Amino acid sequence: MVWLIDLVLVLAALVLWLRSRNESDEAWSLFLRSVALVDLAFIAFGNGQLLIEIPLLVLALALPSAASFENRRS
């Protein structure tokens, strides 16, 4: 069961990384990549910190793109 959860978390990090590649704003892209790397670090070194990992990843995946902020302003 733990391997399945780790696999889901790795896939979430991959989604964040791929999402960061599609962003036009460099700062937002760097932020998403850093969240993905922190996720992978938690998986590698966290040893059961799922109560921290899962809510943070849900929050990170729910963040809007930088383009949506630009569209709101105009």
C-alpha atoms as a PDB file:
ATOM      1  CA  MET A   1       0.000   0.000   0.000  1.00  0.00           C
ATOM      2  CA  VAL A   2       2.850   2.387   0.760  1.00  0.00           C
ATOM      3  CA  TRP A   3       4.298   1.831  -2.716  1.00  0.00           C
ATOM      4  CA  LEU A   4       0.975   2.770  -4.276  1.00  0.00           C
ATOM      5  CA  ILE A   5       0.855   6.027  -2.329  1.00  0.00           C
ATOM      6  CA  ASP A   6       4.447   6.802  -3.284  1.00  0.00           C
ATOM      7  CA  LEU A   7       3.603   6.109  -6.925  1.00  0.00           C
ATOM      8  CA  VAL A   8       0.673   8.534  -6.776  1.00  0.00           C
ATOM      9  CA  LEU A   9       2.924  11.171  -5.204  1.00  0.00           C
ATOM     10  CA  VAL A  10       5.593  10.659  -7.858  1.00  0.00           C
ATOM     11  CA  LEU A  11       2.938  11.038 -10.551  1.00  0.00           C
ATOM     12  CA  ALA A  12       1.739  14.245  -8.886  1.00  0.00           C
ATOM     13  CA  ALA A  13       5.301  15.571  -8.948  1.00  0.00           C
ATOM     14  CA  LEU A  14       5.522  14.636 -12.629  1.00  0.00           C
ATOM     15  CA  VAL A  15       2.268  16.492 -13.341  1.00  0.00           C
ATOM     16  CA  LEU A  16       3.629  19.570 -11.557  1.00  0.00           C
ATOM     17  CA  TRP A  17       6.875  19.380 -13.509  1.00  0.00           C
ATOM     18  CA  LEU A  18       5.061  19.042 -16.850  1.00  0.00           C
ATOM     19  CA  ARG A  19       2.703  21.853 -15.893  1.00  0.00           C
ATOM     20  CA  SER A  20       5.691  24.067 -15.124  1.00  0.00           C
ATOM     21  CA  ARG A  21       7.035  23.490 -18.629  1.00  0.00           C
ATOM     22  CA  ASN A  22       3.832  24.899 -20.141  1.00  0.00           C
ATOM     23  CA  GLU A  23       3.874  28.114 -18.110  1.00  0.00           C
ATOM     24  CA  SER A  24       4.945  31.335 -19.759  1.00  0.00           C
ATOM     25  CA  ASP A  25       5.913  33.040 -16.495  1.00  0.00           C
ATOM     26  CA  GLU A  26       9.421  31.988 -15.439  1.00  0.00           C
ATOM     27  CA  ALA A  27       8.919  32.692 -11.744  1.00  0.00           C
ATOM     28  CA  TRP A  28       5.742  30.616 -11.603  1.00  0.00           C
ATOM     29  CA  SER A  29       7.467  27.831 -13.526  1.00  0.00           C
ATOM     30  CA  LEU A  30      10.363  27.848 -11.080  1.00  0.00           C
ATOM     31  CA  PHE A  31       7.931  27.731  -8.143  1.00  0.00           C
ATOM     32  CA  LEU A  32       6.101  24.705  -9.570  1.00  0.00           C
ATOM     33  CA  ARG A  33       9.382  22.913 -10.229  1.00  0.00           C
ATOM     34  CA  SER A  34      10.556  23.580  -6.682  1.00  0.00           C
ATOM     35  CA  VAL A  35       7.286  22.172  -5.304  1.00  0.00           C
ATOM     36  CA  ALA A  36       7.780  19.058  -7.436  1.00  0.00           C
ATOM     37  CA  LEU A  37      11.336  18.651  -6.161  1.00  0.00           C
ATOM     38  CA  VAL A  38      10.238  19.130  -2.544  1.00  0.00           C
ATOM     39  CA  ASP A  39       7.611  16.449  -3.136  1.00  0.00           C
ATOM     40  CA  LEU A  40      10.236  14.035  -4.398  1.00  0.00           C
ATOM     41  CA  ALA A  41      12.477  14.882  -1.443  1.00  0.00           C
ATOM     42  CA  PHE A  42       9.636  14.108   0.966  1.00  0.00           C
ATOM     43  CA  ILE A  43       9.102  10.775  -0.741  1.00  0.00           C
ATOM     44  CA  ALA A  44      12.794   9.907  -0.611  1.00  0.00           C
ATOM     45  CA  PHE A  45      13.595  11.162   2.880  1.00  0.00           C
ATOM     46  CA  GLY A  46      10.232  11.756   4.573  1.00  0.00           C
ATOM     47  CA  ASN A  47       9.498   8.249   5.850  1.00  0.00           C
ATOM     48  CA  GLY A  48       5.794   8.515   6.404  1.00  0.00           C
ATOM     49  CA  GLN A  49       5.084  12.227   6.394  1.00  0.00           C
ATOM     50  CA  LEU A  50       1.939  11.653   4.346  1.00  0.00           C
ATOM     51  CA  LEU A  51      -0.113  14.000   6.498  1.00  0.00           C
ATOM     52  CA  ILE A  52       2.112  16.797   5.223  1.00  0.00           C
ATOM     53  CA  GLU A  53       2.718  15.587   1.666  1.00  0.00           C
ATOM     54  CA  ILE A  54      -0.783  14.891   0.437  1.00  0.00           C
ATOM     55  CA  PRO A  55      -2.503  18.171   1.457  1.00  0.00           C
ATOM     56  CA  LEU A  56       0.405  20.218   0.095  1.00  0.00           C
ATOM     57  CA  LEU A  57       0.293  18.392  -3.224  1.00  0.00           C
ATOM     58  CA  VAL A  58      -3.458  18.805  -3.498  1.00  0.00           C
ATOM     59  CA  LEU A  59      -2.980  22.511  -2.871  1.00  0.00           C
ATOM     60  CA  ALA A  60      -0.168  22.719  -5.416  1.00  0.00           C
ATOM     61  CA  LEU A  61      -2.162  20.917  -8.085  1.00  0.00           C
ATOM     62  CA  ALA A  62      -5.142  23.182  -7.448  1.00  0.00           C
ATOM     63  CA  LEU A  63      -3.118  26.373  -7.965  1.00  0.00           C
ATOM     64  CA  PRO A  64      -4.193  28.323 -11.039  1.00  0.00           C
ATOM     65  CA  SER A  65      -1.789  29.004 -13.840  1.00  0.00           C
ATOM     66  CA  ALA A  66      -0.077  32.340 -14.270  1.00  0.00           C
ATOM     67  CA  ALA A  67      -2.012  32.878 -17.499  1.00  0.00           C
ATOM     68  CA  SER A  68      -5.299  32.807 -15.613  1.00  0.00           C
ATOM     69  CA  PHE A  69      -4.033  35.617 -13.377  1.00  0.00           C
ATOM     70  CA  GLU A  70      -3.119  37.619 -16.450  1.00  0.00           C
ATOM     71  CA  ASN A  71      -6.579  37.074 -17.935  1.00  0.00           C
ATOM     72  CA  ARG A  72      -8.258  38.283 -14.742  1.00  0.00           C
ATOM     73  CA  ARG A  73      -6.362  41.583 -14.817  1.00  0.00           C
ATOM     74  CA  SER A  74      -7.388  42.466 -18.335  1.00  0.00           C
END
